[in-house]
Amino acid sequence: MAEIKQGTWVVVTDSEKALFLENQTDGEDPNLDVVRIEEQENPSDREQSANRPGRMQDTGVGQRSALDDTDWHELAKERFAADLSDILYKQAHKGKFSELVLVASPQVLGELRKDMHQEVTNKIVAEVAKTLTNHPIDEIEKLVKAEIA
């Protein structure tokens, strides 16, 4: 059973937005204050693509196949996870937090784990596999406390 001690950071993120929250009280009644917000402009792939997918000759006579175009939207999501991991590393290295709770969808948690530095992973006390970025702070407090209790 993990507890959100005073000073613990709770990072609530999806693939485009991250809320950095710090617990000002104890684990019995967490009071999370916003320390920082990171957001990424990430329009849909269709808006980012410059042209339609290419085509190539197939081995058969008169046959052609479509080529997959780069999914810019998906690339930006992966880049956001890498950027977030970098921010967490810099903050951990500065001693800004001693314990960390990560709250994100399972897919985003997976991306973060790939990029996360050992100095940060050593500080993780709990992970919550839910997307809560659009919830109010008081709702996040209740949900996170319930999940890690």
N, C-alpha and C. Protein backbone atom coordinates (compact mmCIF):
# COMPACT_ATOMS: atom_id res chain seq x y z
N MET A 1 0.84 -1.19 0.00
CA MET A 1 0.00 0.00 0.00
C MET A 1 0.88 1.25 0.00
N ALA A 2 0.70 2.09 -0.97
CA ALA A 2 1.46 3.33 -1.07
C ALA A 2 0.64 4.46 -0.45
N GLU A 3 1.33 5.50 -0.07
CA GLU A 3 0.66 6.67 0.48
C GLU A 3 1.26 7.91 -0.15
N ILE A 4 0.43 8.90 -0.32
CA ILE A 4 0.91 10.15 -0.90
C ILE A 4 1.39 11.04 0.24
N LYS A 5 2.68 10.96 0.54
CA LYS A 5 3.25 11.76 1.63
C LYS A 5 3.31 13.23 1.23
N GLN A 6 3.51 14.08 2.23
CA GLN A 6 3.68 15.51 1.97
C GLN A 6 4.90 15.70 1.08
N GLY A 7 4.78 16.51 0.06
CA GLY A 7 5.87 16.78 -0.87
C GLY A 7 5.93 15.83 -2.06
N THR A 8 5.13 14.77 -2.04
CA THR A 8 5.10 13.83 -3.16
C THR A 8 4.52 14.53 -4.39
N TRP A 9 5.15 14.30 -5.52
CA TRP A 9 4.61 14.82 -6.78
C TRP A 9 3.68 13.79 -7.39
N VAL A 10 2.56 14.28 -7.91
CA VAL A 10 1.62 13.44 -8.65
C VAL A 10 1.58 14.03 -10.06
N VAL A 11 2.04 13.26 -11.04
CA VAL A 11 2.02 13.74 -12.42
C VAL A 11 0.89 13.04 -13.14
N VAL A 12 -0.08 13.85 -13.58
CA VAL A 12 -1.26 13.35 -14.28
C VAL A 12 -1.09 13.73 -15.75
N THR A 13 -1.03 12.73 -16.62
CA THR A 13 -0.72 13.03 -18.01
C THR A 13 -1.50 12.16 -18.99
N ASP A 14 -1.68 12.70 -20.17
CA ASP A 14 -2.13 11.91 -21.31
C ASP A 14 -1.04 12.13 -22.36
N SER A 15 -1.34 11.97 -23.60
CA SER A 15 -0.28 12.10 -24.60
C SER A 15 -0.08 13.53 -25.09
N GLU A 16 -0.84 14.48 -24.52
CA GLU A 16 -0.72 15.86 -24.98
C GLU A 16 -0.65 16.90 -23.87
N LYS A 17 -0.92 16.48 -22.63
CA LYS A 17 -0.97 17.43 -21.52
C LYS A 17 -0.47 16.74 -20.26
N ALA A 18 0.25 17.48 -19.42
CA ALA A 18 0.72 16.94 -18.15
C ALA A 18 0.50 17.97 -17.05
N LEU A 19 -0.08 17.50 -15.94
CA LEU A 19 -0.25 18.33 -14.75
C LEU A 19 0.75 17.83 -13.71
N PHE A 20 1.58 18.72 -13.21
CA PHE A 20 2.52 18.39 -12.15
C PHE A 20 1.91 18.91 -10.86
N LEU A 21 1.54 18.01 -9.98
CA LEU A 21 0.87 18.38 -8.74
C LEU A 21 1.76 17.98 -7.56
N GLU A 22 1.70 18.75 -6.48
CA GLU A 22 2.46 18.42 -5.28
C GLU A 22 1.51 18.33 -4.10
N ASN A 23 1.65 17.26 -3.32
CA ASN A 23 0.81 17.10 -2.14
C ASN A 23 1.31 18.01 -1.02
N GLN A 24 0.41 18.87 -0.52
CA GLN A 24 0.75 19.83 0.52
C GLN A 24 0.47 19.30 1.92
N THR A 25 -0.27 18.17 2.01
CA THR A 25 -0.63 17.61 3.32
C THR A 25 -0.15 16.17 3.41
N ASP A 26 -0.92 15.33 4.09
CA ASP A 26 -0.53 13.94 4.25
C ASP A 26 -1.37 13.01 3.36
N GLY A 27 -1.12 11.71 3.48
CA GLY A 27 -1.82 10.73 2.65
C GLY A 27 -3.26 10.52 3.04
N GLU A 28 -3.62 10.87 4.28
CA GLU A 28 -5.01 10.71 4.73
C GLU A 28 -5.95 11.62 3.96
N ASP A 29 -5.52 12.84 3.76
CA ASP A 29 -6.35 13.84 3.08
C ASP A 29 -5.46 14.65 2.14
N PRO A 30 -5.08 14.05 0.98
CA PRO A 30 -4.16 14.76 0.09
C PRO A 30 -4.75 16.08 -0.42
N ASN A 31 -3.88 17.08 -0.48
CA ASN A 31 -4.24 18.38 -1.02
C ASN A 31 -3.22 18.70 -2.10
N LEU A 32 -3.61 18.48 -3.35
CA LEU A 32 -2.68 18.64 -4.47
C LEU A 32 -2.74 20.05 -5.04
N ASP A 33 -1.58 20.68 -5.13
CA ASP A 33 -1.46 22.00 -5.75
C ASP A 33 -0.71 21.86 -7.07
N VAL A 34 -1.13 22.64 -8.05
CA VAL A 34 -0.47 22.62 -9.35
C VAL A 34 0.89 23.29 -9.25
N VAL A 35 1.93 22.56 -9.66
CA VAL A 35 3.30 23.08 -9.66
C VAL A 35 3.64 23.57 -11.07
N ARG A 36 3.15 22.83 -12.07
CA ARG A 36 3.51 23.12 -13.46
C ARG A 36 2.51 22.44 -14.39
N ILE A 37 2.31 23.03 -15.56
CA ILE A 37 1.46 22.42 -16.59
C ILE A 37 2.23 22.43 -17.90
N GLU A 38 2.27 21.29 -18.56
CA GLU A 38 2.90 21.19 -19.88
C GLU A 38 1.82 20.78 -20.88
N GLU A 39 1.72 21.50 -21.99
CA GLU A 39 0.76 21.13 -23.03
C GLU A 39 1.44 21.13 -24.37
N GLN A 40 0.92 20.30 -25.25
CA GLN A 40 1.48 20.20 -26.59
C GLN A 40 0.37 20.46 -27.60
N GLU A 41 0.65 21.30 -28.56
CA GLU A 41 -0.26 21.47 -29.68
C GLU A 41 -0.09 20.26 -30.57
N ASN A 42 -1.15 19.50 -30.77
CA ASN A 42 -1.04 18.30 -31.59
C ASN A 42 -2.31 18.12 -32.41
N PRO A 43 -2.39 18.84 -33.55
CA PRO A 43 -3.57 18.68 -34.40
C PRO A 43 -3.67 17.26 -34.94
N SER A 44 -4.82 16.92 -35.48
CA SER A 44 -5.00 15.58 -36.03
C SER A 44 -3.99 15.33 -37.15
N ASP A 45 -3.75 14.06 -37.41
CA ASP A 45 -2.78 13.70 -38.44
C ASP A 45 -3.16 14.30 -39.80
N ARG A 46 -4.45 14.31 -40.10
CA ARG A 46 -4.91 14.84 -41.39
C ARG A 46 -4.52 16.31 -41.55
N GLU A 47 -4.59 17.07 -40.45
CA GLU A 47 -4.21 18.49 -40.51
C GLU A 47 -2.70 18.67 -40.66
N GLN A 48 -1.92 17.70 -40.20
CA GLN A 48 -0.47 17.83 -40.25
C GLN A 48 0.13 17.27 -41.53
N SER A 49 -0.57 16.38 -42.20
CA SER A 49 -0.04 15.76 -43.41
C SER A 49 -0.10 16.72 -44.59
N ALA A 50 0.96 16.71 -45.37
CA ALA A 50 1.04 17.64 -46.50
C ALA A 50 0.40 17.07 -47.77
N ASN A 51 0.41 15.76 -47.90
CA ASN A 51 -0.11 15.19 -49.14
C ASN A 51 -0.72 13.83 -48.88
N ARG A 52 -1.35 13.28 -49.89
CA ARG A 52 -1.97 11.96 -49.72
C ARG A 52 -0.90 10.87 -49.83
N PRO A 53 -1.17 9.71 -49.26
CA PRO A 53 -0.17 8.63 -49.29
C PRO A 53 0.26 8.28 -50.71
N GLY A 54 1.53 7.92 -50.84
CA GLY A 54 2.06 7.55 -52.15
C GLY A 54 1.61 6.17 -52.59
N ARG A 55 1.94 5.81 -53.83
CA ARG A 55 1.60 4.50 -54.37
C ARG A 55 2.85 3.94 -55.05
N MET A 56 2.93 2.61 -55.08
CA MET A 56 4.08 1.98 -55.72
C MET A 56 3.61 0.84 -56.60
N GLN A 57 4.42 0.50 -57.59
CA GLN A 57 4.12 -0.62 -58.47
C GLN A 57 4.22 -1.94 -57.70
N ASP A 58 3.27 -2.81 -57.91
CA ASP A 58 3.34 -4.15 -57.35
C ASP A 58 3.94 -5.09 -58.38
N THR A 59 4.14 -6.34 -58.00
CA THR A 59 4.75 -7.30 -58.92
C THR A 59 3.83 -7.70 -60.06
N GLY A 60 2.52 -7.63 -59.85
CA GLY A 60 1.57 -8.00 -60.90
C GLY A 60 1.44 -6.91 -61.95
N VAL A 61 0.92 -7.29 -63.11
CA VAL A 61 0.73 -6.33 -64.21
C VAL A 61 -0.38 -5.35 -63.83
N GLY A 62 -0.06 -4.06 -63.88
CA GLY A 62 -1.06 -3.01 -63.64
C GLY A 62 -1.52 -2.91 -62.19
N GLN A 63 -0.83 -3.55 -61.25
CA GLN A 63 -1.22 -3.47 -59.84
C GLN A 63 -0.39 -2.42 -59.12
N ARG A 64 -1.06 -1.69 -58.24
CA ARG A 64 -0.38 -0.68 -57.43
C ARG A 64 -0.85 -0.80 -55.98
N SER A 65 0.02 -0.48 -55.06
CA SER A 65 -0.31 -0.53 -53.63
C SER A 65 -0.09 0.83 -53.01
N ALA A 66 -0.94 1.14 -52.02
CA ALA A 66 -0.78 2.40 -51.29
C ALA A 66 0.33 2.24 -50.25
N LEU A 67 1.05 3.30 -50.03
CA LEU A 67 2.08 3.32 -48.99
C LEU A 67 1.53 4.08 -47.78
N ASP A 68 1.87 3.62 -46.59
CA ASP A 68 1.46 4.34 -45.39
C ASP A 68 2.24 5.63 -45.29
N ASP A 69 1.52 6.70 -44.99
CA ASP A 69 2.17 7.98 -44.75
C ASP A 69 2.58 8.04 -43.28
N THR A 70 3.47 8.92 -42.94
CA THR A 70 3.89 9.09 -41.56
C THR A 70 2.71 9.59 -40.74
N ASP A 71 2.50 9.00 -39.57
CA ASP A 71 1.43 9.45 -38.67
C ASP A 71 2.03 10.51 -37.73
N TRP A 72 1.94 11.76 -38.16
CA TRP A 72 2.55 12.87 -37.42
C TRP A 72 1.93 13.03 -36.04
N HIS A 73 0.64 12.78 -35.94
CA HIS A 73 -0.06 12.90 -34.66
C HIS A 73 0.51 11.89 -33.65
N GLU A 74 0.70 10.66 -34.09
CA GLU A 74 1.25 9.61 -33.22
C GLU A 74 2.71 9.91 -32.85
N LEU A 75 3.47 10.40 -33.81
CA LEU A 75 4.87 10.77 -33.53
C LEU A 75 4.95 11.86 -32.46
N ALA A 76 4.04 12.83 -32.55
CA ALA A 76 4.04 13.92 -31.58
C ALA A 76 3.70 13.40 -30.19
N LYS A 77 2.80 12.42 -30.10
CA LYS A 77 2.45 11.82 -28.82
C LYS A 77 3.68 11.13 -28.19
N GLU A 78 4.40 10.38 -29.01
CA GLU A 78 5.59 9.70 -28.51
C GLU A 78 6.66 10.70 -28.09
N ARG A 79 6.79 11.78 -28.85
CA ARG A 79 7.76 12.83 -28.52
C ARG A 79 7.38 13.50 -27.19
N PHE A 80 6.08 13.67 -26.96
CA PHE A 80 5.63 14.29 -25.71
C PHE A 80 6.04 13.44 -24.51
N ALA A 81 5.90 12.12 -24.62
CA ALA A 81 6.31 11.22 -23.53
C ALA A 81 7.81 11.35 -23.27
N ALA A 82 8.60 11.44 -24.34
CA ALA A 82 10.05 11.59 -24.19
C ALA A 82 10.38 12.94 -23.54
N ASP A 83 9.69 13.99 -23.96
CA ASP A 83 9.91 15.32 -23.36
C ASP A 83 9.54 15.32 -21.88
N LEU A 84 8.42 14.67 -21.55
CA LEU A 84 7.97 14.60 -20.16
C LEU A 84 8.98 13.84 -19.31
N SER A 85 9.51 12.75 -19.84
CA SER A 85 10.53 11.98 -19.12
C SER A 85 11.76 12.84 -18.85
N ASP A 86 12.13 13.66 -19.83
CA ASP A 86 13.27 14.56 -19.69
C ASP A 86 13.02 15.61 -18.61
N ILE A 87 11.82 16.19 -18.58
CA ILE A 87 11.46 17.18 -17.57
C ILE A 87 11.53 16.55 -16.18
N LEU A 88 10.97 15.35 -16.05
CA LEU A 88 10.99 14.66 -14.75
C LEU A 88 12.42 14.38 -14.29
N TYR A 89 13.26 13.99 -15.22
CA TYR A 89 14.67 13.73 -14.87
C TYR A 89 15.33 15.01 -14.34
N LYS A 90 15.15 16.12 -15.05
CA LYS A 90 15.76 17.38 -14.63
C LYS A 90 15.25 17.81 -13.26
N GLN A 91 13.94 17.65 -13.01
CA GLN A 91 13.36 18.04 -11.72
C GLN A 91 13.84 17.12 -10.60
N ALA A 92 13.96 15.82 -10.88
CA ALA A 92 14.46 14.87 -9.88
C ALA A 92 15.92 15.18 -9.55
N HIS A 93 16.68 15.48 -10.59
CA HIS A 93 18.10 15.78 -10.40
C HIS A 93 18.30 17.04 -9.55
N LYS A 94 17.38 17.99 -9.67
CA LYS A 94 17.44 19.22 -8.86
C LYS A 94 16.91 19.00 -7.44
N GLY A 95 16.36 17.80 -7.18
CA GLY A 95 15.82 17.51 -5.86
C GLY A 95 14.45 18.11 -5.60
N LYS A 96 13.69 18.36 -6.66
CA LYS A 96 12.37 18.99 -6.52
C LYS A 96 11.35 18.04 -5.89
N PHE A 97 11.56 16.72 -6.03
CA PHE A 97 10.65 15.76 -5.41
C PHE A 97 11.43 14.52 -5.00
N SER A 98 10.94 13.86 -3.95
CA SER A 98 11.60 12.62 -3.50
C SER A 98 10.75 11.40 -3.82
N GLU A 99 9.44 11.62 -4.00
CA GLU A 99 8.53 10.53 -4.37
C GLU A 99 7.61 11.01 -5.48
N LEU A 100 7.22 10.04 -6.34
CA LEU A 100 6.44 10.38 -7.52
C LEU A 100 5.32 9.36 -7.72
N VAL A 101 4.13 9.86 -8.03
CA VAL A 101 3.00 9.02 -8.43
C VAL A 101 2.69 9.40 -9.88
N LEU A 102 2.68 8.41 -10.76
CA LEU A 102 2.34 8.65 -12.17
C LEU A 102 0.91 8.22 -12.44
N VAL A 103 0.14 9.11 -13.08
CA VAL A 103 -1.24 8.82 -13.44
C VAL A 103 -1.38 9.05 -14.94
N ALA A 104 -1.61 7.97 -15.68
CA ALA A 104 -1.72 8.07 -17.14
C ALA A 104 -2.39 6.82 -17.69
N SER A 105 -2.81 6.88 -18.94
CA SER A 105 -3.38 5.70 -19.57
C SER A 105 -2.29 4.63 -19.67
N PRO A 106 -2.67 3.35 -19.77
CA PRO A 106 -1.65 2.29 -19.87
C PRO A 106 -0.67 2.51 -21.03
N GLN A 107 -1.17 3.01 -22.15
CA GLN A 107 -0.30 3.25 -23.31
C GLN A 107 0.74 4.33 -23.00
N VAL A 108 0.32 5.41 -22.38
CA VAL A 108 1.24 6.50 -22.05
C VAL A 108 2.23 6.05 -20.97
N LEU A 109 1.75 5.28 -19.98
CA LEU A 109 2.66 4.75 -18.96
C LEU A 109 3.76 3.91 -19.62
N GLY A 110 3.38 3.12 -20.62
CA GLY A 110 4.36 2.31 -21.33
C GLY A 110 5.40 3.15 -22.05
N GLU A 111 4.95 4.21 -22.71
CA GLU A 111 5.88 5.12 -23.40
C GLU A 111 6.82 5.79 -22.39
N LEU A 112 6.26 6.21 -21.26
CA LEU A 112 7.08 6.88 -20.24
C LEU A 112 8.13 5.92 -19.68
N ARG A 113 7.74 4.69 -19.42
CA ARG A 113 8.68 3.70 -18.87
C ARG A 113 9.87 3.50 -19.80
N LYS A 114 9.62 3.52 -21.12
CA LYS A 114 10.71 3.33 -22.09
C LYS A 114 11.74 4.44 -22.00
N ASP A 115 11.26 5.67 -21.73
CA ASP A 115 12.13 6.85 -21.78
C ASP A 115 12.65 7.31 -20.42
N MET A 116 12.07 6.80 -19.35
CA MET A 116 12.36 7.30 -18.01
C MET A 116 13.76 6.92 -17.53
N HIS A 117 14.45 7.89 -16.96
CA HIS A 117 15.79 7.70 -16.39
C HIS A 117 15.67 6.97 -15.05
N GLN A 118 16.68 6.20 -14.70
CA GLN A 118 16.69 5.42 -13.45
C GLN A 118 16.48 6.30 -12.23
N GLU A 119 17.03 7.52 -12.27
CA GLU A 119 16.88 8.44 -11.13
C GLU A 119 15.40 8.76 -10.87
N VAL A 120 14.59 8.78 -11.92
CA VAL A 120 13.16 9.05 -11.78
C VAL A 120 12.43 7.77 -11.37
N THR A 121 12.72 6.65 -12.03
CA THR A 121 12.00 5.40 -11.71
C THR A 121 12.23 4.98 -10.26
N ASN A 122 13.38 5.32 -9.70
CA ASN A 122 13.65 5.00 -8.29
C ASN A 122 12.73 5.76 -7.34
N LYS A 123 12.15 6.87 -7.80
CA LYS A 123 11.30 7.71 -6.96
C LYS A 123 9.81 7.39 -7.12
N ILE A 124 9.46 6.54 -8.08
CA ILE A 124 8.04 6.21 -8.30
C ILE A 124 7.55 5.30 -7.19
N VAL A 125 6.50 5.76 -6.48
CA VAL A 125 5.91 4.97 -5.39
C VAL A 125 4.61 4.32 -5.82
N ALA A 126 3.98 4.83 -6.89
CA ALA A 126 2.73 4.24 -7.38
C ALA A 126 2.47 4.70 -8.81
N GLU A 127 1.74 3.86 -9.54
CA GLU A 127 1.27 4.20 -10.88
C GLU A 127 -0.22 3.93 -10.93
N VAL A 128 -0.96 4.85 -11.55
CA VAL A 128 -2.40 4.69 -11.72
C VAL A 128 -2.67 4.73 -13.22
N ALA A 129 -3.19 3.63 -13.75
CA ALA A 129 -3.43 3.51 -15.20
C ALA A 129 -4.81 4.05 -15.56
N LYS A 130 -4.96 5.36 -15.47
CA LYS A 130 -6.21 6.04 -15.84
C LYS A 130 -5.89 7.38 -16.47
N THR A 131 -6.78 7.84 -17.32
CA THR A 131 -6.63 9.17 -17.92
C THR A 131 -7.48 10.14 -17.11
N LEU A 132 -6.83 11.04 -16.39
CA LEU A 132 -7.54 11.98 -15.51
C LEU A 132 -7.21 13.44 -15.80
N THR A 133 -6.56 13.72 -16.92
CA THR A 133 -6.10 15.10 -17.18
C THR A 133 -7.22 16.12 -17.26
N ASN A 134 -8.42 15.71 -17.62
CA ASN A 134 -9.51 16.68 -17.75
C ASN A 134 -10.42 16.71 -16.52
N HIS A 135 -10.00 16.04 -15.44
CA HIS A 135 -10.77 16.07 -14.20
C HIS A 135 -10.33 17.25 -13.34
N PRO A 136 -11.25 17.78 -12.51
CA PRO A 136 -10.84 18.84 -11.57
C PRO A 136 -9.88 18.27 -10.52
N ILE A 137 -9.06 19.12 -9.92
CA ILE A 137 -8.03 18.69 -8.98
C ILE A 137 -8.62 17.91 -7.80
N ASP A 138 -9.75 18.38 -7.24
CA ASP A 138 -10.32 17.68 -6.09
C ASP A 138 -10.77 16.27 -6.46
N GLU A 139 -11.22 16.08 -7.68
CA GLU A 139 -11.60 14.76 -8.16
C GLU A 139 -10.35 13.87 -8.34
N ILE A 140 -9.28 14.46 -8.85
CA ILE A 140 -8.01 13.73 -9.00
C ILE A 140 -7.52 13.26 -7.64
N GLU A 141 -7.60 14.15 -6.62
CA GLU A 141 -7.18 13.78 -5.27
C GLU A 141 -7.90 12.53 -4.78
N LYS A 142 -9.23 12.52 -4.93
CA LYS A 142 -10.05 11.39 -4.45
C LYS A 142 -9.73 10.12 -5.23
N LEU A 143 -9.66 10.22 -6.56
CA LEU A 143 -9.43 9.04 -7.40
C LEU A 143 -8.05 8.43 -7.17
N VAL A 144 -7.04 9.28 -7.06
CA VAL A 144 -5.68 8.78 -6.85
C VAL A 144 -5.57 8.13 -5.47
N LYS A 145 -6.13 8.78 -4.46
CA LYS A 145 -6.08 8.22 -3.10
C LYS A 145 -6.77 6.84 -3.08
N ALA A 146 -7.91 6.74 -3.73
CA ALA A 146 -8.65 5.47 -3.77
C ALA A 146 -7.88 4.39 -4.51
N GLU A 147 -7.20 4.77 -5.60
CA GLU A 147 -6.46 3.80 -6.41
C GLU A 147 -5.24 3.23 -5.72
N ILE A 148 -4.54 4.05 -4.95
CA ILE A 148 -3.28 3.57 -4.36
C ILE A 148 -3.44 3.11 -2.92
N ALA A 149 -4.64 3.26 -2.36
CA ALA A 149 -4.87 2.83 -0.96
C ALA A 149 -4.87 1.31 -0.86
